[in-house]
PDB file of N, CA and C in Angstrom:
ATOM      1  N   MET A   1     -10.512  -2.459  16.650  1.00  0.00           N
ATOM      2  CA  MET A   1     -10.164  -0.715  17.347  1.00  0.00           C
ATOM      3  C   MET A   1      -8.340  -0.823  16.193  1.00  0.00           C
ATOM      4  N   LYS A   2      -8.223   0.262  15.865  1.00  0.00           N
ATOM      5  CA  LYS A   2      -6.662   0.266  15.956  1.00  0.00           C
ATOM      6  C   LYS A   2      -5.549   0.560  16.238  1.00  0.00           C
ATOM      7  N   THR A   3      -4.483   0.376  16.083  1.00  0.00           N
ATOM      8  CA  THR A   3      -3.606   1.625  16.930  1.00  0.00           C
ATOM      9  C   THR A   3      -2.427   2.643  16.453  1.00  0.00           C
ATOM     10  N   GLY A   4      -2.502   3.913  17.280  1.00  0.00           N
ATOM     11  CA  GLY A   4      -2.209   4.595  16.645  1.00  0.00           C
ATOM     12  C   GLY A   4      -0.376   4.696  17.755  1.00  0.00           C
ATOM     13  N   LEU A   5       0.965   4.911  17.053  1.00  0.00           N
ATOM     14  CA  LEU A   5       1.741   4.975  17.798  1.00  0.00           C
ATOM     15  C   LEU A   5       2.499   6.492  18.435  1.00  0.00           C
ATOM     16  N   LEU A   6       2.575   6.885  19.657  1.00  0.00           N
ATOM     17  CA  LEU A   6       2.647   8.181  19.988  1.00  0.00           C
ATOM     18  C   LEU A   6       3.951   8.151  19.879  1.00  0.00           C
ATOM     19  N   VAL A   7       5.002   8.552  19.340  1.00  0.00           N
ATOM     20  CA  VAL A   7       5.923   9.352  19.399  1.00  0.00           C
ATOM     21  C   VAL A   7       6.619   9.568  20.718  1.00  0.00           C
ATOM     22  N   ASP A   8       6.450  10.186  20.544  1.00  0.00           N
ATOM     23  CA  ASP A   8       6.621  11.284  22.116  1.00  0.00           C
ATOM     24  C   ASP A   8       5.834  11.947  22.991  1.00  0.00           C
ATOM     25  N   SER A   9       6.100  12.404  24.123  1.00  0.00           N
ATOM     26  CA  SER A   9       4.023  12.841  24.220  1.00  0.00           C
ATOM     27  C   SER A   9       4.074  14.141  24.484  1.00  0.00           C
ATOM     28  N   SER A  10       4.444  14.750  23.744  1.00  0.00           N
ATOM     29  CA  SER A  10       4.507  16.321  23.323  1.00  0.00           C
ATOM     30  C   SER A  10       3.859  16.024  22.253  1.00  0.00           C
ATOM     31  N   ASP A  11       3.420  14.937  21.385  1.00  0.00           N
ATOM     32  CA  ASP A  11       3.381  14.847  20.135  1.00  0.00           C
ATOM     33  C   ASP A  11       1.822  15.058  20.089  1.00  0.00           C
ATOM     34  N   ASN A  12       1.212  15.961  18.793  1.00  0.00           N
ATOM     35  CA  ASN A  12       0.398  16.217  18.315  1.00  0.00           C
ATOM     36  C   ASN A  12      -0.628  15.437  17.042  1.00  0.00           C
ATOM     37  N   VAL A  13      -0.024  14.349  16.829  1.00  0.00           N
ATOM     38  CA  VAL A  13       0.231  13.248  16.362  1.00  0.00           C
ATOM     39  C   VAL A  13       0.495  12.096  15.948  1.00  0.00           C
ATOM     40  N   VAL A  14      -0.111  10.929  16.079  1.00  0.00           N
ATOM     41  CA  VAL A  14       0.259   9.424  15.653  1.00  0.00           C
ATOM     42  C   VAL A  14       0.028   8.871  14.604  1.00  0.00           C
ATOM     43  N   VAL A  15       1.429   7.907  14.238  1.00  0.00           N
ATOM     44  CA  VAL A  15       1.943   7.318  12.945  1.00  0.00           C
ATOM     45  C   VAL A  15       0.666   6.205  13.299  1.00  0.00           C
ATOM     46  N   ALA A  16       0.275   5.664  11.914  1.00  0.00           N
ATOM     47  CA  ALA A  16      -0.944   4.756  11.916  1.00  0.00           C
ATOM     48  C   ALA A  16       0.485   3.083  11.647  1.00  0.00           C
ATOM     49  N   THR A  17      -0.195   2.673  12.262  1.00  0.00           N
ATOM     50  CA  THR A  17       0.611   0.826  11.894  1.00  0.00           C
ATOM     51  C   THR A  17      -0.270  -0.002  11.517  1.00  0.00           C
ATOM     52  N   GLU A  18      -0.877   0.388  10.827  1.00  0.00           N
ATOM     53  CA  GLU A  18      -1.749   0.175   9.634  1.00  0.00           C
ATOM     54  C   GLU A  18      -2.350   0.310   9.167  1.00  0.00           C
ATOM     55  N   THR A  19      -2.992   0.180   7.872  1.00  0.00           N
ATOM     56  CA  THR A  19      -3.965   1.300   7.029  1.00  0.00           C
ATOM     57  C   THR A  19      -5.670   1.396   8.315  1.00  0.00           C
ATOM     58  N   ILE A  20      -5.975   3.416   7.924  1.00  0.00           N
ATOM     59  CA  ILE A  20      -7.195   2.472   9.541  1.00  0.00           C
ATOM     60  C   ILE A  20      -8.432   3.356   7.842  1.00  0.00           C
ATOM     61  N   GLN A  21      -9.297   2.997   8.210  1.00  0.00           N
ATOM     62  CA  GLN A  21     -10.356   3.275   7.561  1.00  0.00           C
ATOM     63  C   GLN A  21     -10.669   4.135   7.939  1.00  0.00           C
ATOM     64  N   ALA A  22     -11.605   5.316   7.224  1.00  0.00           N
ATOM     65  CA  ALA A  22     -12.144   6.402   7.215  1.00  0.00           C
ATOM     66  C   ALA A  22     -13.338   5.845   8.908  1.00  0.00           C
ATOM     67  N   GLY A  23     -13.676   6.084   9.628  1.00  0.00           N
ATOM     68  CA  GLY A  23     -14.250   5.638  10.785  1.00  0.00           C
ATOM     69  C   GLY A  23     -13.980   4.948  11.911  1.00  0.00           C
ATOM     70  N   GLU A  24     -13.191   4.429  11.167  1.00  0.00           N
ATOM     71  CA  GLU A  24     -12.307   3.413  12.459  1.00  0.00           C
ATOM     72  C   GLU A  24     -12.060   4.187  13.774  1.00  0.00           C
ATOM     73  N   LYS A  25     -11.837   3.609  14.688  1.00  0.00           N
ATOM     74  CA  LYS A  25     -11.462   3.994  16.206  1.00  0.00           C
ATOM     75  C   LYS A  25     -10.063   3.778  15.718  1.00  0.00           C
ATOM     76  N   ILE A  26      -9.770   4.488  16.595  1.00  0.00           N
ATOM     77  CA  ILE A  26      -7.938   4.271  16.911  1.00  0.00           C
ATOM     78  C   ILE A  26      -7.255   4.839  18.113  1.00  0.00           C
ATOM     79  N   LYS A  27      -6.944   3.847  19.044  1.00  0.00           N
ATOM     80  CA  LYS A  27      -6.070   3.818  20.940  1.00  0.00           C
ATOM     81  C   LYS A  27      -4.863   4.230  20.534  1.00  0.00           C
ATOM     82  N   VAL A  28      -5.503   5.684  21.231  1.00  0.00           N
ATOM     83  CA  VAL A  28      -3.843   6.003  21.680  1.00  0.00           C
ATOM     84  C   VAL A  28      -3.443   5.855  23.226  1.00  0.00           C
ATOM     85  N   GLY A  29      -3.148   5.513  24.086  1.00  0.00           N
ATOM     86  CA  GLY A  29      -3.066   5.283  24.972  1.00  0.00           C
ATOM     87  C   GLY A  29      -4.191   4.639  25.889  1.00  0.00           C
ATOM     88  N   SER A  30      -5.076   5.442  26.890  1.00  0.00           N
ATOM     89  CA  SER A  30      -6.062   5.271  26.701  1.00  0.00           C
ATOM     90  C   SER A  30      -7.299   5.607  26.580  1.00  0.00           C
ATOM     91  N   GLU A  31      -7.011   6.880  25.128  1.00  0.00           N
ATOM     92  CA  GLU A  31      -7.843   7.593  24.293  1.00  0.00           C
ATOM     93  C   GLU A  31      -7.998   6.685  23.458  1.00  0.00           C
ATOM     94  N   VAL A  32      -9.186   6.897  22.696  1.00  0.00           N
ATOM     95  CA  VAL A  32      -9.635   6.474  21.305  1.00  0.00           C
ATOM     96  C   VAL A  32     -10.439   7.927  21.029  1.00  0.00           C
ATOM     97  N   ILE A  33     -10.168   8.088  19.529  1.00  0.00           N
ATOM     98  CA  ILE A  33     -10.028   8.621  18.472  1.00  0.00           C
ATOM     99  C   ILE A  33     -10.433   8.106  17.225  1.00  0.00           C
ATOM    100  N   VAL A  34     -11.128   8.687  16.357  1.00  0.00           N
ATOM    101  CA  VAL A  34     -11.935   8.091  15.279  1.00  0.00           C
ATOM    102  C   VAL A  34     -10.881   8.835  14.465  1.00  0.00           C
ATOM    103  N   ALA A  35     -10.942   8.166  12.998  1.00  0.00           N
ATOM    104  CA  ALA A  35     -10.004   8.572  11.692  1.00  0.00           C
ATOM    105  C   ALA A  35     -11.051   9.064  11.265  1.00  0.00           C
ATOM    106  N   ASN A  36     -11.052  10.425  10.369  1.00  0.00           N
ATOM    107  CA  ASN A  36     -11.946  11.188  10.002  1.00  0.00           C
ATOM    108  C   ASN A  36     -11.698  10.965   8.325  1.00  0.00           C
ATOM    109  N   GLN A  37     -10.924  10.745   8.073  1.00  0.00           N
ATOM    110  CA  GLN A  37     -10.463   9.908   6.892  1.00  0.00           C
ATOM    111  C   GLN A  37      -9.164   8.682   6.250  1.00  0.00           C
ATOM    112  N   GLN A  38      -9.189   8.267   5.368  1.00  0.00           N
ATOM    113  CA  GLN A  38      -8.471   7.223   5.474  1.00  0.00           C
ATOM    114  C   GLN A  38      -7.199   7.724   5.869  1.00  0.00           C
ATOM    115  N   ILE A  39      -6.540   6.478   6.397  1.00  0.00           N
ATOM    116  CA  ILE A  39      -4.619   7.226   7.275  1.00  0.00           C
ATOM    117  C   ILE A  39      -4.376   5.889   6.665  1.00  0.00           C
ATOM    118  N   PRO A  40      -3.096   6.097   5.640  1.00  0.00           N
ATOM    119  CA  PRO A  40      -2.484   4.971   5.051  1.00  0.00           C
ATOM    120  C   PRO A  40      -1.119   4.494   6.466  1.00  0.00           C
ATOM    121  N   ILE A  41      -1.236   3.520   6.626  1.00  0.00           N
ATOM    122  CA  ILE A  41       0.515   2.623   7.233  1.00  0.00           C
ATOM    123  C   ILE A  41       1.122   3.892   7.379  1.00  0.00           C
ATOM    124  N   GLY A  42       1.902   3.589   8.218  1.00  0.00           N
ATOM    125  CA  GLY A  42       3.020   5.271   7.878  1.00  0.00           C
ATOM    126  C   GLY A  42       2.861   6.413   8.140  1.00  0.00           C
ATOM    127  N   HIS A  43       1.653   6.610   8.096  1.00  0.00           N
ATOM    128  CA  HIS A  43       0.984   8.154   7.915  1.00  0.00           C
ATOM    129  C   HIS A  43       0.388   8.561   9.542  1.00  0.00           C
ATOM    130  N   LYS A  44       0.848  10.155   9.338  1.00  0.00           N
ATOM    131  CA  LYS A  44       0.012  10.823  10.710  1.00  0.00           C
ATOM    132  C   LYS A  44      -1.545  10.536  10.869  1.00  0.00           C
ATOM    133  N   ALA A  45      -2.153  10.927  11.892  1.00  0.00           N
ATOM    134  CA  ALA A  45      -3.081  11.467  12.312  1.00  0.00           C
ATOM    135  C   ALA A  45      -3.656  12.497  13.373  1.00  0.00           C
ATOM    136  N   ALA A  46      -4.248  13.385  13.278  1.00  0.00           N
ATOM    137  CA  ALA A  46      -4.031  14.473  14.919  1.00  0.00           C
ATOM    138  C   ALA A  46      -4.968  13.933  15.336  1.00  0.00           C
ATOM    139  N   ILE A  47      -4.266  14.297  16.925  1.00  0.00           N
ATOM    140  CA  ILE A  47      -4.690  13.104  17.976  1.00  0.00           C
ATOM    141  C   ILE A  47      -5.928  14.659  18.832  1.00  0.00           C
ATOM    142  N   LYS A  48      -5.604  15.970  18.052  1.00  0.00           N
ATOM    143  CA  LYS A  48      -6.276  16.971  19.047  1.00  0.00           C
ATOM    144  C   LYS A  48      -6.330  17.798  18.515  1.00  0.00           C
ATOM    145  N   GLU A  49      -7.086  18.527  18.584  1.00  0.00           N
ATOM    146  CA  GLU A  49      -7.523  19.776  17.319  1.00  0.00           C
ATOM    147  C   GLU A  49      -6.054  20.712  17.267  1.00  0.00           C
ATOM    148  N   ILE A  50      -5.825  20.787  15.967  1.00  0.00           N
ATOM    149  CA  ILE A  50      -4.338  22.176  15.560  1.00  0.00           C
ATOM    150  C   ILE A  50      -5.108  23.338  14.755  1.00  0.00           C
ATOM    151  N   LYS A  51      -4.706  24.507  15.384  1.00  0.00           N
ATOM    152  CA  LYS A  51      -5.109  25.458  14.773  1.00  0.00           C
ATOM    153  C   LYS A  51      -4.642  25.727  13.456  1.00  0.00           C
ATOM    154  N   LYS A  52      -4.637  26.106  12.537  1.00  0.00           N
ATOM    155  CA  LYS A  52      -4.168  26.808  10.790  1.00  0.00           C
ATOM    156  C   LYS A  52      -2.995  27.955  11.872  1.00  0.00           C
ATOM    157  N   ASN A  53      -1.246  27.239  12.012  1.00  0.00           N
ATOM    158  CA  ASN A  53      -0.183  28.159  11.829  1.00  0.00           C
ATOM    159  C   ASN A  53       0.159  27.855  13.370  1.00  0.00           C
ATOM    160  N   GLU A  54      -0.727  26.528  13.610  1.00  0.00           N
ATOM    161  CA  GLU A  54       0.380  26.059  15.093  1.00  0.00           C
ATOM    162  C   GLU A  54       1.259  25.002  14.796  1.00  0.00           C
ATOM    163  N   TYR A  55       2.297  24.721  14.849  1.00  0.00           N
ATOM    164  CA  TYR A  55       2.810  23.394  14.779  1.00  0.00           C
ATOM    165  C   TYR A  55       2.089  22.185  14.923  1.00  0.00           C
ATOM    166  N   ILE A  56       2.493  21.309  13.721  1.00  0.00           N
ATOM    167  CA  ILE A  56       2.749  19.810  14.396  1.00  0.00           C
ATOM    168  C   ILE A  56       3.902  19.575  14.623  1.00  0.00           C
ATOM    169  N   TYR A  57       3.948  18.460  15.701  1.00  0.00           N
ATOM    170  CA  TYR A  57       4.946  18.098  16.116  1.00  0.00           C
ATOM    171  C   TYR A  57       5.418  16.750  15.866  1.00  0.00           C
ATOM    172  N   LYS A  58       5.778  15.506  16.105  1.00  0.00           N
ATOM    173  CA  LYS A  58       6.342  14.543  15.876  1.00  0.00           C
ATOM    174  C   LYS A  58       7.904  14.216  16.217  1.00  0.00           C
ATOM    175  N   TYR A  59       7.956  13.498  17.367  1.00  0.00           N
ATOM    176  CA  TYR A  59       9.045  12.839  17.547  1.00  0.00           C
ATOM    177  C   TYR A  59       9.543  14.151  18.995  1.00  0.00           C
ATOM    178  N   GLY A  60       8.980  14.596  18.942  1.00  0.00           N
ATOM    179  CA  GLY A  60       9.095  15.952  20.338  1.00  0.00           C
ATOM    180  C   GLY A  60       9.346  17.199  19.227  1.00  0.00           C
ATOM    181  N   VAL A  61       9.099  17.357  18.463  1.00  0.00           N
ATOM    182  CA  VAL A  61      10.158  18.656  18.123  1.00  0.00           C
ATOM    183  C   VAL A  61       9.221  18.913  16.126  1.00  0.00           C
ATOM    184  N   PRO A  62       8.837  20.063  16.867  1.00  0.00           N
ATOM    185  CA  PRO A  62       7.808  20.102  15.295  1.00  0.00           C
ATOM    186  C   PRO A  62       8.165  19.967  13.920  1.00  0.00           C
ATOM    187  N   ILE A  63       7.593  19.643  12.485  1.00  0.00           N
ATOM    188  CA  ILE A  63       7.924  18.822  11.854  1.00  0.00           C
ATOM    189  C   ILE A  63       7.217  20.052  10.319  1.00  0.00           C
ATOM    190  N   GLY A  64       6.521  20.804  11.050  1.00  0.00           N
ATOM    191  CA  GLY A  64       5.661  21.501   9.421  1.00  0.00           C
ATOM    192  C   GLY A  64       4.354  22.407  10.509  1.00  0.00           C
ATOM    193  N   LEU A  65       4.336  23.039   9.598  1.00  0.00           N
ATOM    194  CA  LEU A  65       2.681  24.383  10.110  1.00  0.00           C
ATOM    195  C   LEU A  65       1.407  23.517   9.350  1.00  0.00           C
ATOM    196  N   ALA A  66       0.288  23.687  10.646  1.00  0.00           N
ATOM    197  CA  ALA A  66      -1.109  23.311   9.602  1.00  0.00           C
ATOM    198  C   ALA A  66      -1.137  24.554   8.811  1.00  0.00           C
ATOM    199  N   ASN A  67      -1.611  24.559   7.876  1.00  0.00           N
ATOM    200  CA  ASN A  67      -1.647  25.514   6.521  1.00  0.00           C
ATOM    201  C   ASN A  67      -4.059  25.595   6.376  1.00  0.00           C
ATOM    202  N   MET A  68      -3.683  25.116   7.630  1.00  0.00           N
ATOM    203  CA  MET A  68      -5.742  24.960   7.736  1.00  0.00           C
ATOM    204  C   MET A  68      -6.158  24.185   9.227  1.00  0.00           C
ATOM    205  N   ASP A  69      -6.793  24.710   9.622  1.00  0.00           N
ATOM    206  CA  ASP A  69      -7.242  24.017  11.100  1.00  0.00           C
ATOM    207  C   ASP A  69      -7.148  23.119  11.241  1.00  0.00           C
ATOM    208  N   ILE A  70      -7.259  21.298  11.653  1.00  0.00           N
ATOM    209  CA  ILE A  70      -7.228  20.304  11.888  1.00  0.00           C
ATOM    210  C   ILE A  70      -8.343  19.490  12.845  1.00  0.00           C
ATOM    211  N   GLN A  71      -8.788  19.358  12.315  1.00  0.00           N
ATOM    212  CA  GLN A  71      -9.776  18.208  13.603  1.00  0.00           C
ATOM    213  C   GLN A  71      -9.503  16.789  13.792  1.00  0.00           C
ATOM    214  N   LYS A  72      -9.270  16.659  15.351  1.00  0.00           N
ATOM    215  CA  LYS A  72      -8.829  15.659  15.632  1.00  0.00           C
ATOM    216  C   LYS A  72      -9.108  14.386  15.307  1.00  0.00           C
ATOM    217  N   GLY A  73      -8.397  13.411  14.379  1.00  0.00           N
ATOM    218  CA  GLY A  73      -8.658  12.111  13.889  1.00  0.00           C
ATOM    219  C   GLY A  73      -8.444  12.449  12.312  1.00  0.00           C
ATOM    220  N   ASP A  74      -8.105  13.814  11.997  1.00  0.00           N
ATOM    221  CA  ASP A  74      -7.969  14.066  10.862  1.00  0.00           C
ATOM    222  C   ASP A  74      -6.749  14.063  10.536  1.00  0.00           C
ATOM    223  N   TYR A  75      -6.557  12.790   8.768  1.00  0.00           N
ATOM    224  CA  TYR A  75      -4.869  12.451   8.024  1.00  0.00           C
ATOM    225  C   TYR A  75      -4.349  13.655   8.138  1.00  0.00           C
ATOM    226  N   ILE A  76      -2.737  14.105   8.533  1.00  0.00           N
ATOM    227  CA  ILE A  76      -2.029  14.944   8.612  1.00  0.00           C
ATOM    228  C   ILE A  76      -1.229  14.596   7.240  1.00  0.00           C
ATOM    229  N   HIS A  77      -1.382  15.637   6.220  1.00  0.00           N
ATOM    230  CA  HIS A  77      -0.161  15.307   5.049  1.00  0.00           C
ATOM    231  C   HIS A  77       0.622  16.342   4.244  1.00  0.00           C
ATOM    232  N   THR A  78       0.732  16.263   3.038  1.00  0.00           N
ATOM    233  CA  THR A  78       0.888  17.775   2.234  1.00  0.00           C
ATOM    234  C   THR A  78       0.271  18.298   1.998  1.00  0.00           C
ATOM    235  N   HIS A  79      -1.554  17.256   2.509  1.00  0.00           N
ATOM    236  CA  HIS A  79      -2.298  18.963   1.792  1.00  0.00           C
ATOM    237  C   HIS A  79      -3.069  20.042   3.099  1.00  0.00           C
ATOM    238  N   ASN A  80      -2.522  19.677   4.831  1.00  0.00           N
ATOM    239  CA  ASN A  80      -2.973  20.384   5.351  1.00  0.00           C
ATOM    240  C   ASN A  80      -1.011  20.981   6.310  1.00  0.00           C
ATOM    241  N   ILE A  81       0.059  20.490   5.093  1.00  0.00           N
ATOM    242  CA  ILE A  81       0.814  20.854   6.355  1.00  0.00           C
ATOM    243  C   ILE A  81       1.815  21.369   5.524  1.00  0.00           C
ATOM    244  N   THR A  82       2.391  22.644   5.832  1.00  0.00           N
ATOM    245  CA  THR A  82       3.533  23.627   5.080  1.00  0.00           C
ATOM    246  C   THR A  82       4.966  23.092   6.117  1.00  0.00           C
ATOM    247  N   ASP A  83       5.719  22.337   5.036  1.00  0.00           N
ATOM    248  CA  ASP A  83       6.901  21.677   5.982  1.00  0.00           C
ATOM    249  C   ASP A  83       7.553  22.810   6.357  1.00  0.00           C
ATOM    250  N   VAL A  84       8.261  22.592   7.511  1.00  0.00           N
ATOM    251  CA  VAL A  84       9.341  23.609   7.932  1.00  0.00           C
ATOM    252  C   VAL A  84      10.558  23.461   8.017  1.00  0.00           C
ATOM    253  N   THR A  85      10.907  22.330   8.644  1.00  0.00           N
ATOM    254  CA  THR A  85      11.671  21.104   8.605  1.00  0.00           C
ATOM    255  C   THR A  85      13.149  22.003   8.732  1.00  0.00           C
ATOM    256  N   GLU A  86      13.733  22.532   7.472  1.00  0.00           N
ATOM    257  CA  GLU A  86      14.180  23.228   6.890  1.00  0.00           C
ATOM    258  C   GLU A  86      14.948  23.705   7.419  1.00  0.00           C
ATOM    259  N   ASP A  87      13.701  24.977   7.679  1.00  0.00           N
ATOM    260  CA  ASP A  87      14.187  26.370   8.340  1.00  0.00           C
ATOM    261  C   ASP A  87      14.232  26.355   9.995  1.00  0.00           C
ATOM    262  N   LEU A  88      14.085  24.673  10.170  1.00  0.00           N
ATOM    263  CA  LEU A  88      14.310  24.964  12.051  1.00  0.00           C
ATOM    264  C   LEU A  88      15.319  24.323  11.907  1.00  0.00           C
ATOM    265  N   CYS A  89      15.788  23.579  10.789  1.00  0.00           N
ATOM    266  CA  CYS A  89      17.427  22.759  11.371  1.00  0.00           C
ATOM    267  C   CYS A  89      18.245  23.820  11.483  1.00  0.00           C
ATOM    268  N   LYS A  90      18.263  25.391  10.705  1.00  0.00           N
ATOM    269  CA  LYS A  90      19.615  26.159  10.794  1.00  0.00           C
ATOM    270  C   LYS A  90      19.296  26.564  12.202  1.00  0.00           C
ATOM    271  N   SER A  91      18.136  26.299  12.969  1.00  0.00           N
ATOM    272  CA  SER A  91      18.033  27.301  14.372  1.00  0.00           C
ATOM    273  C   SER A  91      18.715  26.247  15.198  1.00  0.00           C
ATOM    274  N   TYR A  92      18.104  24.618  14.936  1.00  0.00           N
ATOM    275  CA  TYR A  92      18.580  23.575  15.782  1.00  0.00           C
ATOM    276  C   TYR A  92      19.876  23.312  15.124  1.00  0.00           C
ATOM    277  N   ILE A  93      20.751  23.628  14.091  1.00  0.00           N
ATOM    278  CA  ILE A  93      22.298  23.974  14.665  1.00  0.00           C
ATOM    279  C   ILE A  93      22.829  24.672  15.003  1.00  0.00           C
ATOM    280  N   ALA A  94      22.384  25.965  14.897  1.00  0.00           N
ATOM    281  CA  ALA A  94      22.840  26.846  15.862  1.00  0.00           C
ATOM    282  C   ALA A  94      23.423  27.155  17.029  1.00  0.00           C
ATOM    283  N   ALA A  95      21.824  26.286  17.443  1.00  0.00           N
ATOM    284  CA  ALA A  95      21.900  25.728  18.760  1.00  0.00           C
ATOM    285  C   ALA A  95      22.949  24.410  19.056  1.00  0.00           C
ATOM    286  N   PHE A  96      23.499  23.775  18.287  1.00  0.00           N
ATOM    287  CA  PHE A  96      24.440  22.714  18.220  1.00  0.00           C
ATOM    288  C   PHE A  96      25.468  23.501  18.644  1.00  0.00           C
ATOM    289  N   MET A  97      25.699  23.980  17.923  1.00  0.00           N
ATOM    290  CA  MET A  97      27.315  24.543  17.551  1.00  0.00           C
ATOM    291  C   MET A  97      27.564  25.637  18.737  1.00  0.00           C
ATOM    292  N   LYS A  98      26.402  25.634  19.233  1.00  0.00           N
ATOM    293  CA  LYS A  98      26.697  26.606  20.934  1.00  0.00           C
ATOM    294  C   LYS A  98      26.885  26.215  22.107  1.00  0.00           C
ATOM    295  N   GLU A  99      27.039  24.743  21.892  1.00  0.00           N
ATOM    296  CA  GLU A  99      27.086  23.638  23.300  1.00  0.00           C
ATOM    297  C   GLU A  99      28.322  22.983  22.661  1.00  0.00           C
ATOM    298  N   ASP A 100      29.056  23.163  21.769  1.00  0.00           N
ATOM    299  CA  ASP A 100      30.636  22.240  21.923  1.00  0.00           C
ATOM    300  C   ASP A 100      31.374  23.364  22.677  1.00  0.00           C
TER     301      ASP A 100
END
């Protein structure tokens, strides 16, 4: 069984700590999920269903939008995520500047 790194409890993805083959089990805390595709080391796997246009969370912050429905155990990468970090940075910067 492989281990997935859950960076923040609000994340809906884990990071593969080693390459995971399709069909292999991934331990995430006390839960176990099954990889639907190969997940390279350092890449992400969904730990729950993510609907199209829902945010994908890593580090406790949104890193992108799902551009299709994503199943638990799916490989998360450029084929199924739209990067929104640049757009979100504008709101993060504005919020940070108000705190000063």
